[in-house]
PDB file of all heavy atoms in Angstrom:
ATOM      1  N   ILE A   1     145.054 168.860  68.767  1.00  0.00           N
ATOM      2  CA  ILE A   1     143.895 168.924  67.863  1.00  0.00           C
ATOM      3  C   ILE A   1     144.181 169.946  66.774  1.00  0.00           C
ATOM      4  O   ILE A   1     144.508 171.106  67.061  1.00  0.00           O
ATOM      5  CB  ILE A   1     142.610 169.323  68.622  1.00  0.00           C
ATOM      6  CG1 ILE A   1     142.332 168.363  69.776  1.00  0.00           C
ATOM      7  CG2 ILE A   1     141.420 169.376  67.669  1.00  0.00           C
ATOM      8  CD1 ILE A   1     141.212 168.804  70.686  1.00  0.00           C
ATOM      9  N   GLN A   2     144.063 169.540  65.517  1.00  0.00           N
ATOM     10  CA  GLN A   2     144.237 170.453  64.383  1.00  0.00           C
ATOM     11  C   GLN A   2     143.092 170.251  63.403  1.00  0.00           C
ATOM     12  O   GLN A   2     142.755 169.117  63.069  1.00  0.00           O
ATOM     13  CB  GLN A   2     145.589 170.191  63.697  1.00  0.00           C
ATOM     14  CG  GLN A   2     146.775 170.526  64.593  1.00  0.00           C
ATOM     15  CD  GLN A   2     148.110 170.137  63.991  1.00  0.00           C
ATOM     16  OE1 GLN A   2     148.217 169.095  63.353  1.00  0.00           O
ATOM     17  NE2 GLN A   2     149.130 170.960  64.204  1.00  0.00           N
ATOM     18  N   GLY A   3     142.467 171.351  63.003  1.00  0.00           N
ATOM     19  CA  GLY A   3     141.317 171.250  62.120  1.00  0.00           C
ATOM     20  C   GLY A   3     140.139 170.545  62.752  1.00  0.00           C
ATOM     21  O   GLY A   3     139.273 170.013  62.070  1.00  0.00           O
ATOM     22  N   GLY A   4     140.108 170.534  64.093  1.00  0.00           N
ATOM     23  CA  GLY A   4     139.024 169.868  64.803  1.00  0.00           C
ATOM     24  C   GLY A   4     139.210 168.373  64.961  1.00  0.00           C
ATOM     25  O   GLY A   4     138.320 167.687  65.461  1.00  0.00           O
ATOM     26  N   ILE A   5     140.395 167.850  64.549  1.00  0.00           N
ATOM     27  CA  ILE A   5     140.660 166.413  64.560  1.00  0.00           C
ATOM     28  C   ILE A   5     141.921 166.140  65.369  1.00  0.00           C
ATOM     29  O   ILE A   5     142.913 166.871  65.266  1.00  0.00           O
ATOM     30  CB  ILE A   5     140.830 165.890  63.123  1.00  0.00           C
ATOM     31  CG1 ILE A   5     139.552 166.165  62.306  1.00  0.00           C
ATOM     32  CG2 ILE A   5     141.159 164.402  63.103  1.00  0.00           C
ATOM     33  CD1 ILE A   5     139.688 165.880  60.829  1.00  0.00           C
ATOM     34  N   SER A   6     141.920 165.086  66.173  1.00  0.00           N
ATOM     35  CA  SER A   6     143.093 164.750  66.975  1.00  0.00           C
ATOM     36  C   SER A   6     144.262 164.372  66.066  1.00  0.00           C
ATOM     37  O   SER A   6     144.082 163.711  65.048  1.00  0.00           O
ATOM     38  CB  SER A   6     142.782 163.601  67.933  1.00  0.00           C
ATOM     39  OG  SER A   6     142.431 162.427  67.224  1.00  0.00           O
ATOM     40  N   ASN A   7     145.483 164.822  66.456  1.00  0.00           N
ATOM     41  CA  ASN A   7     146.655 164.567  65.613  1.00  0.00           C
ATOM     42  C   ASN A   7     147.622 163.565  66.239  1.00  0.00           C
ATOM     43  O   ASN A   7     148.722 163.354  65.721  1.00  0.00           O
ATOM     44  CB  ASN A   7     147.376 165.877  65.287  1.00  0.00           C
ATOM     45  CG  ASN A   7     147.992 166.545  66.516  1.00  0.00           C
ATOM     46  OD1 ASN A   7     147.959 165.999  67.620  1.00  0.00           O
ATOM     47  ND2 ASN A   7     148.536 167.731  66.333  1.00  0.00           N
ATOM     48  N   GLY A   8     147.233 162.946  67.352  1.00  0.00           N
ATOM     49  CA  GLY A   8     148.071 161.946  67.988  1.00  0.00           C
ATOM     50  C   GLY A   8     148.914 162.456  69.133  1.00  0.00           C
ATOM     51  O   GLY A   8     149.463 161.658  69.898  1.00  0.00           O
ATOM     52  N   LYS A   9     149.053 163.763  69.263  1.00  0.00           N
ATOM     53  CA  LYS A   9     149.771 164.340  70.400  1.00  0.00           C
ATOM     54  C   LYS A   9     148.829 164.384  71.610  1.00  0.00           C
ATOM     55  O   LYS A   9     147.611 164.214  71.489  1.00  0.00           O
ATOM     56  CB  LYS A   9     150.255 165.763  70.073  1.00  0.00           C
ATOM     57  CG  LYS A   9     151.213 165.841  68.913  1.00  0.00           C
ATOM     58  CD  LYS A   9     152.594 165.335  69.278  1.00  0.00           C
ATOM     59  CE  LYS A   9     153.389 166.357  70.047  1.00  0.00           C
ATOM     60  NZ  LYS A   9     154.799 165.956  70.245  1.00  0.00           N
ATOM     61  N   ASP A  10     149.395 164.639  72.780  1.00  0.00           N
ATOM     62  CA  ASP A  10     148.562 164.780  73.976  1.00  0.00           C
ATOM     63  C   ASP A  10     147.545 165.900  73.784  1.00  0.00           C
ATOM     64  O   ASP A  10     147.894 166.989  73.303  1.00  0.00           O
ATOM     65  CB  ASP A  10     149.412 165.108  75.204  1.00  0.00           C
ATOM     66  CG  ASP A  10     150.273 163.944  75.661  1.00  0.00           C
ATOM     67  OD1 ASP A  10     150.105 162.834  75.124  1.00  0.00           O
ATOM     68  OD2 ASP A  10     151.103 164.158  76.558  1.00  0.00           O
ATOM     69  N   ILE A  11     146.315 165.650  74.150  1.00  0.00           N
ATOM     70  CA  ILE A  11     145.295 166.702  74.189  1.00  0.00           C
ATOM     71  C   ILE A  11     145.348 167.338  75.568  1.00  0.00           C
ATOM     72  O   ILE A  11     145.315 166.628  76.585  1.00  0.00           O
ATOM     73  CB  ILE A  11     143.895 166.129  73.920  1.00  0.00           C
ATOM     74  CG1 ILE A  11     143.803 165.634  72.475  1.00  0.00           C
ATOM     75  CG2 ILE A  11     142.808 167.171  74.203  1.00  0.00           C
ATOM     76  CD1 ILE A  11     142.504 164.916  72.154  1.00  0.00           C
ATOM     77  N   PHE A  12     145.475 168.650  75.612  1.00  0.00           N
ATOM     78  CA  PHE A  12     145.428 169.312  76.917  1.00  0.00           C
ATOM     79  C   PHE A  12     144.579 170.571  76.834  1.00  0.00           C
ATOM     80  O   PHE A  12     144.533 171.241  75.810  1.00  0.00           O
ATOM     81  CB  PHE A  12     146.838 169.617  77.453  1.00  0.00           C
ATOM     82  CG  PHE A  12     147.632 170.616  76.667  1.00  0.00           C
ATOM     83  CD1 PHE A  12     147.616 171.969  77.004  1.00  0.00           C
ATOM     84  CD2 PHE A  12     148.417 170.213  75.590  1.00  0.00           C
ATOM     85  CE1 PHE A  12     148.365 172.889  76.296  1.00  0.00           C
ATOM     86  CE2 PHE A  12     149.180 171.128  74.880  1.00  0.00           C
ATOM     87  CZ  PHE A  12     149.148 172.474  75.230  1.00  0.00           C
ATOM     88  N   PHE A  13     143.875 170.836  77.921  1.00  0.00           N
ATOM     89  CA  PHE A  13     143.004 172.009  77.977  1.00  0.00           C
ATOM     90  C   PHE A  13     142.869 172.486  79.417  1.00  0.00           C
ATOM     91  O   PHE A  13     143.253 171.790  80.359  1.00  0.00           O
ATOM     92  CB  PHE A  13     141.629 171.696  77.371  1.00  0.00           C
ATOM     93  CG  PHE A  13     140.895 170.546  78.010  1.00  0.00           C
ATOM     94  CD1 PHE A  13     140.111 170.737  79.136  1.00  0.00           C
ATOM     95  CD2 PHE A  13     140.971 169.272  77.466  1.00  0.00           C
ATOM     96  CE1 PHE A  13     139.433 169.681  79.728  1.00  0.00           C
ATOM     97  CE2 PHE A  13     140.296 168.204  78.039  1.00  0.00           C
ATOM     98  CZ  PHE A  13     139.522 168.408  79.175  1.00  0.00           C
ATOM     99  N   LYS A  14     142.322 173.679  79.554  1.00  0.00           N
ATOM    100  CA  LYS A  14     142.149 174.291  80.870  1.00  0.00           C
ATOM    101  C   LYS A  14     140.703 174.733  81.027  1.00  0.00           C
ATOM    102  O   LYS A  14     140.081 175.219  80.070  1.00  0.00           O
ATOM    103  CB  LYS A  14     143.087 175.493  81.041  1.00  0.00           C
ATOM    104  CG  LYS A  14     143.105 176.082  82.444  1.00  0.00           C
ATOM    105  CD  LYS A  14     143.907 177.381  82.486  1.00  0.00           C
ATOM    106  CE  LYS A  14     145.379 177.136  82.278  1.00  0.00           C
ATOM    107  NZ  LYS A  14     146.168 178.387  82.425  1.00  0.00           N
ATOM    108  N   VAL A  15     140.161 174.562  82.228  1.00  0.00           N
ATOM    109  CA  VAL A  15     138.772 174.908  82.522  1.00  0.00           C
ATOM    110  C   VAL A  15     138.754 175.882  83.704  1.00  0.00           C
ATOM    111  O   VAL A  15     139.407 175.631  84.725  1.00  0.00           O
ATOM    112  CB  VAL A  15     137.947 173.659  82.875  1.00  0.00           C
ATOM    113  CG1 VAL A  15     136.472 174.002  83.014  1.00  0.00           C
ATOM    114  CG2 VAL A  15     138.140 172.567  81.824  1.00  0.00           C
ATOM    115  N   ALA A  16     138.029 176.981  83.564  1.00  0.00           N
ATOM    116  CA  ALA A  16     137.949 178.001  84.620  1.00  0.00           C
ATOM    117  C   ALA A  16     136.623 177.887  85.375  1.00  0.00           C
ATOM    118  O   ALA A  16     135.558 177.801  84.748  1.00  0.00           O
ATOM    119  CB  ALA A  16     138.088 179.399  84.025  1.00  0.00           C
ATOM    120  N   PHE A  17     136.705 177.887  86.694  1.00  0.00           N
ATOM    121  CA  PHE A  17     135.525 177.812  87.562  1.00  0.00           C
ATOM    122  C   PHE A  17     135.360 179.123  88.328  1.00  0.00           C
ATOM    123  O   PHE A  17     136.333 179.669  88.860  1.00  0.00           O
ATOM    124  CB  PHE A  17     135.677 176.668  88.574  1.00  0.00           C
ATOM    125  CG  PHE A  17     135.524 175.301  87.979  1.00  0.00           C
ATOM    126  CD1 PHE A  17     136.560 174.730  87.249  1.00  0.00           C
ATOM    127  CD2 PHE A  17     134.347 174.580  88.140  1.00  0.00           C
ATOM    128  CE1 PHE A  17     136.426 173.467  86.687  1.00  0.00           C
ATOM    129  CE2 PHE A  17     134.211 173.323  87.582  1.00  0.00           C
ATOM    130  CZ  PHE A  17     135.244 172.765  86.852  1.00  0.00           C
ATOM    131  N   LYS A  18     134.131 179.595  88.401  1.00  0.00           N
ATOM    132  CA  LYS A  18     133.853 180.815  89.160  1.00  0.00           C
ATOM    133  C   LYS A  18     133.851 180.501  90.656  1.00  0.00           C
ATOM    134  O   LYS A  18     133.778 179.333  91.068  1.00  0.00           O
ATOM    135  CB  LYS A  18     132.501 181.390  88.757  1.00  0.00           C
ATOM    136  CG  LYS A  18     131.299 180.568  89.253  1.00  0.00           C
ATOM    137  CD  LYS A  18     129.993 181.232  88.883  1.00  0.00           C
ATOM    138  CE  LYS A  18     128.795 180.432  89.425  1.00  0.00           C
ATOM    139  NZ  LYS A  18     127.513 181.057  89.106  1.00  0.00           N
ATOM    140  N   PRO A  19     133.918 181.540  91.497  1.00  0.00           N
ATOM    141  CA  PRO A  19     133.750 181.313  92.939  1.00  0.00           C
ATOM    142  C   PRO A  19     132.348 180.791  93.229  1.00  0.00           C
ATOM    143  O   PRO A  19     131.387 181.136  92.529  1.00  0.00           O
ATOM    144  CB  PRO A  19     133.948 182.708  93.547  1.00  0.00           C
ATOM    145  CG  PRO A  19     134.607 183.521  92.496  1.00  0.00           C
ATOM    146  CD  PRO A  19     134.162 182.960  91.181  1.00  0.00           C
ATOM    147  N   VAL A  20     132.225 179.941  94.238  1.00  0.00           N
ATOM    148  CA  VAL A  20     130.913 179.455  94.670  1.00  0.00           C
ATOM    149  C   VAL A  20     130.035 180.668  94.990  1.00  0.00           C
ATOM    150  O   VAL A  20     130.448 181.543  95.758  1.00  0.00           O
ATOM    151  CB  VAL A  20     131.055 178.546  95.910  1.00  0.00           C
ATOM    152  CG1 VAL A  20     129.693 178.112  96.422  1.00  0.00           C
ATOM    153  CG2 VAL A  20     131.929 177.337  95.577  1.00  0.00           C
ATOM    154  N   PRO A  21     128.825 180.776  94.427  1.00  0.00           N
ATOM    155  CA  PRO A  21     128.016 181.981  94.628  1.00  0.00           C
ATOM    156  C   PRO A  21     127.375 182.117  96.005  1.00  0.00           C
ATOM    157  O   PRO A  21     126.967 183.215  96.389  1.00  0.00           O
ATOM    158  CB  PRO A  21     126.951 181.877  93.535  1.00  0.00           C
ATOM    159  CG  PRO A  21     126.846 180.425  93.243  1.00  0.00           C
ATOM    160  CD  PRO A  21     128.222 179.868  93.442  1.00  0.00           C
ATOM    161  N   THR A  22     127.259 181.012  96.746  1.00  0.00           N
ATOM    162  CA  THR A  22     126.703 181.104  98.093  1.00  0.00           C
ATOM    163  C   THR A  22     127.808 181.554  99.041  1.00  0.00           C
ATOM    164  O   THR A  22     128.755 180.810  99.293  1.00  0.00           O
ATOM    165  CB  THR A  22     126.135 179.759  98.560  1.00  0.00           C
ATOM    166  OG1 THR A  22     125.087 179.362  97.681  1.00  0.00           O
ATOM    167  CG2 THR A  22     125.588 179.869  99.981  1.00  0.00           C
ATOM    168  N   ILE A  23     127.682 182.776  99.541  1.00  0.00           N
ATOM    169  CA  ILE A  23     128.683 183.317 100.452  1.00  0.00           C
ATOM    170  C   ILE A  23     128.034 183.667 101.786  1.00  0.00           C
ATOM    171  O   ILE A  23     126.825 183.896 101.870  1.00  0.00           O
ATOM    172  CB  ILE A  23     129.384 184.552  99.860  1.00  0.00           C
ATOM    173  CG1 ILE A  23     128.379 185.692  99.616  1.00  0.00           C
ATOM    174  CG2 ILE A  23     130.097 184.188  98.556  1.00  0.00           C
ATOM    175  CD1 ILE A  23     129.019 186.969  99.112  1.00  0.00           C
ATOM    176  N   MET A  24     128.852 183.682 102.836  1.00  0.00           N
ATOM    177  CA  MET A  24     128.349 183.969 104.178  1.00  0.00           C
ATOM    178  C   MET A  24     128.429 185.457 104.495  1.00  0.00           C
ATOM    179  O   MET A  24     128.847 185.864 105.581  1.00  0.00           O
ATOM    180  CB  MET A  24     129.139 183.147 105.205  1.00  0.00           C
ATOM    181  CG  MET A  24     129.049 181.650 104.972  1.00  0.00           C
ATOM    182  SD  MET A  24     127.329 181.069 104.913  1.00  0.00           S
ATOM    183  CE  MET A  24     127.526 179.479 104.120  1.00  0.00           C
ATOM    184  N   LYS A  25     128.072 186.254 103.526  1.00  0.00           N
ATOM    185  CA  LYS A  25     127.980 187.708 103.674  1.00  0.00           C
ATOM    186  C   LYS A  25     126.591 188.151 103.245  1.00  0.00           C
ATOM    187  O   LYS A  25     125.947 187.497 102.416  1.00  0.00           O
ATOM    188  CB  LYS A  25     129.016 188.407 102.795  1.00  0.00           C
ATOM    189  CG  LYS A  25     130.455 188.228 103.217  1.00  0.00           C
ATOM    190  CD  LYS A  25     131.375 189.067 102.327  1.00  0.00           C
ATOM    191  CE  LYS A  25     132.811 189.014 102.808  1.00  0.00           C
ATOM    192  NZ  LYS A  25     133.689 189.883 101.988  1.00  0.00           N
ATOM    193  N   THR A  26     126.143 189.264 103.778  1.00  0.00           N
ATOM    194  CA  THR A  26     124.839 189.786 103.365  1.00  0.00           C
ATOM    195  C   THR A  26     124.953 190.413 101.978  1.00  0.00           C
ATOM    196  O   THR A  26     125.942 191.064 101.651  1.00  0.00           O
ATOM    197  CB  THR A  26     124.321 190.828 104.369  1.00  0.00           C
ATOM    198  OG1 THR A  26     125.291 191.874 104.499  1.00  0.00           O
ATOM    199  CG2 THR A  26     124.067 190.202 105.726  1.00  0.00           C
ATOM    200  N   GLN A  27     123.933 190.165 101.166  1.00  0.00           N
ATOM    201  CA  GLN A  27     123.878 190.730  99.819  1.00  0.00           C
ATOM    202  C   GLN A  27     122.469 191.235  99.551  1.00  0.00           C
ATOM    203  O   GLN A  27     121.491 190.660 100.047  1.00  0.00           O
ATOM    204  CB  GLN A  27     124.220 189.671  98.764  1.00  0.00           C
ATOM    205  CG  GLN A  27     125.614 189.078  98.880  1.00  0.00           C
ATOM    206  CD  GLN A  27     125.842 188.027  97.823  1.00  0.00           C
ATOM    207  OE1 GLN A  27     126.332 188.307  96.742  1.00  0.00           O
ATOM    208  NE2 GLN A  27     125.487 186.791  98.126  1.00  0.00           N
TER     209      GLN A  27
END
């Protein structure tokens, strides 16, 4: 993607996920 427009090459990206907030510890 260049200038917000696809240029014909493979589009690749990465997405980060947080840890699941429900834990089996007291909080």
